[in-house]
């Protein structure tokens, strides 16, 4: 009797255990599935595209090309202006000479300029003044240019542009004295710059475009 009871009492327990195990396993599987689904959803939400690096626009620096000036009139006046003032239109030196080409008041009056403030503030007027003064000096020195051009005076090769540069520094009268004395009568300005240096430094430029004119003046009537 006890043997039967023992035999039939175990089966329900085993069945219950199997049922409980199956139930627990299914539940665990459901939980696992739910967790995996949450994890997958989380991953999908976290996935994002990294924006591509912005394209770098490389801007090449602008380069300005200047024509070769060579030995032109423009090259002549720019070289002379740089020597006189470093190309500064508004400078006044300790002796009162003004602008890019360092004009004195007396010379400015000769070519028709009396308003020095207007002169200092007008690059165009200064360029016009340079041409007018060179034109006037070329007329005064026309005979000396004809006689001494391409000659050697006191070891210096004489050229038209050298004569005009020397006249700008020392005035046409001192150029005549130097040439006609075979270089014996020289001239130095207030800074010690010699007329001989200008003959050499500014030799060989093409100044043929400068027309000799005894009465050369600027073309701006407001300053005459």
Protein backbone atom coordinates (compact mmCIF):
# COMPACT_ATOMS: atom_id res chain seq x y z
CA UNK A 1 0.00 0.00 0.00
CA UNK A 2 2.80 2.35 0.87
CA UNK A 3 4.55 1.31 -2.30
CA UNK A 4 1.60 2.45 -4.41
CA UNK A 5 1.30 5.70 -2.60
CA UNK A 6 4.97 6.41 -3.12
CA UNK A 7 4.66 5.54 -6.81
CA UNK A 8 1.67 7.76 -7.52
CA UNK A 9 2.71 10.65 -5.26
CA UNK A 10 5.91 11.36 -7.21
CA UNK A 11 4.27 11.84 -10.60
CA UNK A 12 2.28 14.94 -9.75
CA UNK A 13 5.36 16.55 -8.29
CA UNK A 14 7.43 15.74 -11.34
CA UNK A 15 4.65 16.96 -13.61
CA UNK A 16 4.31 20.12 -11.66
CA UNK A 17 8.04 20.61 -11.81
CA UNK A 18 8.08 20.07 -15.54
CA UNK A 19 5.15 22.47 -15.96
CA UNK A 20 6.82 25.05 -13.73
CA UNK A 21 10.11 24.64 -15.57
CA UNK A 22 8.41 25.00 -18.94
CA UNK A 23 6.50 28.02 -17.74
CA UNK A 24 9.62 29.57 -16.25
CA UNK A 25 11.64 28.87 -19.39
CA UNK A 26 9.00 30.43 -21.63
CA UNK A 27 8.75 33.42 -19.38
CA UNK A 28 12.51 33.81 -19.35
CA UNK A 29 12.56 33.50 -23.12
CA UNK A 30 9.86 36.17 -23.39
CA UNK A 31 11.88 38.42 -21.11
CA UNK A 32 15.00 37.78 -23.15
CA UNK A 33 13.14 38.56 -26.34
CA UNK A 34 11.77 41.75 -24.83
CA UNK A 35 15.23 42.82 -23.69
CA UNK A 36 16.72 42.07 -27.10
CA UNK A 37 13.95 44.06 -28.77
CA UNK A 38 14.59 47.01 -26.44
CA UNK A 39 18.31 46.79 -27.09
CA UNK A 40 17.77 46.64 -30.85
CA UNK A 41 15.41 49.63 -30.71
CA UNK A 42 17.92 51.51 -28.57
CA UNK A 43 20.69 50.76 -31.04
CA UNK A 44 18.56 51.92 -33.96
CA UNK A 45 17.81 55.16 -32.17
CA UNK A 46 21.44 55.70 -31.31
CA UNK A 47 22.69 55.12 -34.84
CA UNK A 48 23.28 58.43 -36.56
CA UNK A 49 25.36 59.59 -39.46
CA UNK A 50 28.44 61.61 -38.75
CA UNK A 51 28.25 64.66 -40.99
CA UNK A 52 30.98 64.83 -43.56
CA UNK A 53 33.68 67.36 -42.92
CA UNK A 54 32.84 70.61 -44.68
CA UNK A 55 34.67 71.13 -47.91
CA UNK A 56 37.51 73.54 -47.36
CA UNK A 57 37.51 76.28 -49.94
CA UNK A 58 41.07 77.22 -50.69
CA UNK A 59 41.32 80.82 -51.82
CA UNK A 60 44.46 81.50 -53.72
CA UNK A 61 46.01 84.89 -52.89
CA UNK A 62 45.53 87.42 -55.60
CA UNK A 63 48.66 88.25 -57.44
CA UNK A 64 49.04 91.49 -59.24
CA UNK A 65 51.41 91.52 -62.14
CA UNK A 66 53.01 94.73 -63.17
CA UNK A 67 54.32 95.36 -66.63
CA UNK A 68 58.06 95.49 -67.01
CA UNK A 69 58.93 99.17 -66.93
CA UNK A 70 62.43 98.73 -68.27
CA UNK A 71 63.96 102.11 -69.09
CA UNK A 72 60.74 103.92 -69.96
CA UNK A 73 59.76 107.42 -68.90
CA UNK A 74 57.49 105.90 -66.24
CA UNK A 75 60.42 103.88 -64.91
CA UNK A 76 62.53 107.05 -64.90
CA UNK A 77 60.11 109.14 -62.87
CA UNK A 78 59.27 106.30 -60.48
CA UNK A 79 62.95 105.62 -59.81
CA UNK A 80 63.57 109.32 -59.23
CA UNK A 81 60.50 109.64 -56.98
CA UNK A 82 61.64 106.69 -54.91
CA UNK A 83 65.11 108.19 -54.51
CA UNK A 84 63.70 111.56 -53.52
CA UNK A 85 61.07 110.49 -50.99
CA UNK A 86 60.47 106.76 -51.09
CA UNK A 87 57.42 107.56 -53.22
CA UNK A 88 55.64 109.47 -50.43
CA UNK A 89 53.33 112.13 -51.86
CA UNK A 90 52.72 113.88 -48.52
CA UNK A 91 56.20 114.12 -47.09
CA UNK A 92 57.90 117.45 -46.31
CA UNK A 93 61.61 117.25 -45.51
CA UNK A 94 63.56 119.38 -43.05
CA UNK A 95 64.43 121.87 -45.78
CA UNK A 96 60.79 122.37 -46.77
CA UNK A 97 60.87 120.34 -49.99
CA UNK A 98 57.54 118.68 -50.62
CA UNK A 99 55.94 115.58 -52.02
CA UNK A 100 57.07 112.53 -53.93
CA UNK A 101 59.57 114.48 -56.05
CA UNK A 102 60.61 116.96 -53.34
CA UNK A 103 59.69 120.25 -54.96
CA UNK A 104 60.62 123.59 -53.47
CA UNK A 105 58.09 126.44 -53.36
CA UNK A 106 60.05 128.47 -55.93
CA UNK A 107 59.99 125.70 -58.51
CA UNK A 108 56.29 125.08 -57.92
CA UNK A 109 55.53 128.74 -58.60
CA UNK A 110 57.46 128.57 -61.88
CA UNK A 111 55.19 125.80 -63.12
CA UNK A 112 52.00 127.46 -61.85
CA UNK A 113 51.38 125.95 -58.41
CA UNK A 114 50.81 128.21 -55.42
CA UNK A 115 48.51 126.13 -53.20
CA UNK A 116 50.97 123.78 -51.49
CA UNK A 117 48.26 122.05 -49.43
CA UNK A 118 46.40 121.12 -52.60
CA UNK A 119 49.71 120.01 -54.10
CA UNK A 120 50.53 117.70 -51.18
CA UNK A 121 47.08 116.13 -51.27
CA UNK A 122 46.94 115.52 -55.01
CA UNK A 123 49.12 112.73 -56.44
CA UNK A 124 47.87 113.53 -59.94
CA UNK A 125 48.94 117.14 -59.57
CA UNK A 126 52.39 116.05 -58.40
CA UNK A 127 52.82 113.78 -61.40
CA UNK A 128 51.78 116.62 -63.67
CA UNK A 129 54.21 118.94 -61.89
CA UNK A 130 57.06 116.51 -62.45
CA UNK A 131 56.42 116.39 -66.18
CA UNK A 132 56.05 120.18 -66.45
CA UNK A 133 59.32 120.74 -64.60
CA UNK A 134 61.15 118.16 -66.71
CA UNK A 135 59.74 119.77 -69.86
CA UNK A 136 60.90 123.20 -68.76
CA UNK A 137 64.38 121.93 -67.81
CA UNK A 138 64.69 120.10 -71.11
CA UNK A 139 64.05 123.33 -72.97
CA UNK A 140 66.62 125.24 -70.86
CA UNK A 141 69.21 122.50 -71.36
CA UNK A 142 68.38 121.64 -74.97
CA UNK A 143 71.75 122.82 -76.30
CA UNK A 144 73.69 121.03 -73.59
CA UNK A 145 71.75 117.83 -74.24
CA UNK A 146 72.59 118.09 -77.91
CA UNK A 147 76.26 118.79 -77.23
CA UNK A 148 77.07 116.45 -74.35
CA UNK A 149 74.71 113.53 -74.86
CA UNK A 150 76.71 110.28 -75.17
CA UNK A 151 79.91 112.12 -74.21
CA UNK A 152 82.08 111.30 -71.19
CA UNK A 153 82.52 114.17 -68.75
CA UNK A 154 84.93 113.69 -65.85
CA UNK A 155 84.53 109.92 -66.18
CA UNK A 156 80.72 110.04 -66.37
CA UNK A 157 78.72 108.86 -69.38
CA UNK A 158 76.26 111.67 -70.11
CA UNK A 159 72.70 110.83 -71.20
CA UNK A 160 69.56 112.90 -71.61
CA UNK A 161 67.82 111.25 -68.66
CA UNK A 162 70.89 111.77 -66.49
CA UNK A 163 70.88 115.47 -67.38
CA UNK A 164 67.17 115.81 -66.53
CA UNK A 165 67.63 113.97 -63.22
CA UNK A 166 70.61 116.15 -62.31
CA UNK A 167 68.57 119.25 -63.18
CA UNK A 168 65.80 118.03 -60.90
CA UNK A 169 68.30 117.75 -58.05
CA UNK A 170 70.41 120.83 -58.62
CA UNK A 171 68.53 123.03 -61.09
CA UNK A 172 69.44 123.50 -64.77
CA UNK A 173 71.98 126.23 -63.99
CA UNK A 174 74.19 123.89 -61.96
CA UNK A 175 73.96 121.23 -64.67
CA UNK A 176 75.28 123.74 -67.21
CA UNK A 177 78.16 124.65 -64.89
CA UNK A 178 79.10 121.00 -64.40
CA UNK A 179 79.01 120.11 -68.08
CA UNK A 180 80.68 123.25 -69.38
CA UNK A 181 83.49 122.99 -66.83
CA UNK A 182 84.15 119.37 -67.76
CA UNK A 183 82.93 118.33 -64.31
CA UNK A 184 85.06 120.76 -62.32
CA UNK A 185 82.06 122.70 -60.96
CA UNK A 186 80.03 120.15 -59.09
CA UNK A 187 77.11 120.48 -56.69
CA UNK A 188 75.88 118.72 -53.54
CA UNK A 189 72.44 119.21 -52.01
CA UNK A 190 71.70 119.72 -48.30
CA UNK A 191 72.00 115.99 -47.64
CA UNK A 192 75.32 115.70 -49.43
CA UNK A 193 73.94 114.06 -52.58
CA UNK A 194 76.13 115.01 -55.53
CA UNK A 195 75.03 115.97 -58.99
CA UNK A 196 77.49 113.36 -60.32
CA UNK A 197 75.55 110.63 -58.51
CA UNK A 198 72.34 111.62 -60.34
CA UNK A 199 74.08 111.69 -63.72
CA UNK A 200 75.16 108.08 -63.11
CA UNK A 201 72.14 106.66 -61.29
CA UNK A 202 69.54 107.87 -63.78
CA UNK A 203 71.46 107.37 -67.00
CA UNK A 204 70.00 105.60 -69.99
CA UNK A 205 66.25 106.05 -69.50
CA UNK A 206 64.03 106.95 -72.45
CA UNK A 207 62.86 110.52 -71.83
CA UNK A 208 62.07 111.27 -75.45
CA UNK A 209 58.38 111.70 -74.54
CA UNK A 210 59.26 114.82 -72.53
CA UNK A 211 58.66 117.73 -74.90
CA UNK A 212 60.87 120.81 -74.35
CA UNK A 213 58.68 123.74 -73.33
CA UNK A 214 60.00 127.04 -71.99
CA UNK A 215 56.64 127.98 -70.44
CA UNK A 216 55.55 124.54 -69.24
CA UNK A 217 52.95 124.69 -66.46
CA UNK A 218 50.42 122.36 -64.91
CA UNK A 219 47.03 122.13 -66.61
CA UNK A 220 44.93 122.80 -63.52
CA UNK A 221 43.81 126.47 -63.58
CA UNK A 222 42.58 126.30 -59.97
CA UNK A 223 46.16 126.28 -58.73
CA UNK A 224 47.69 128.81 -61.13
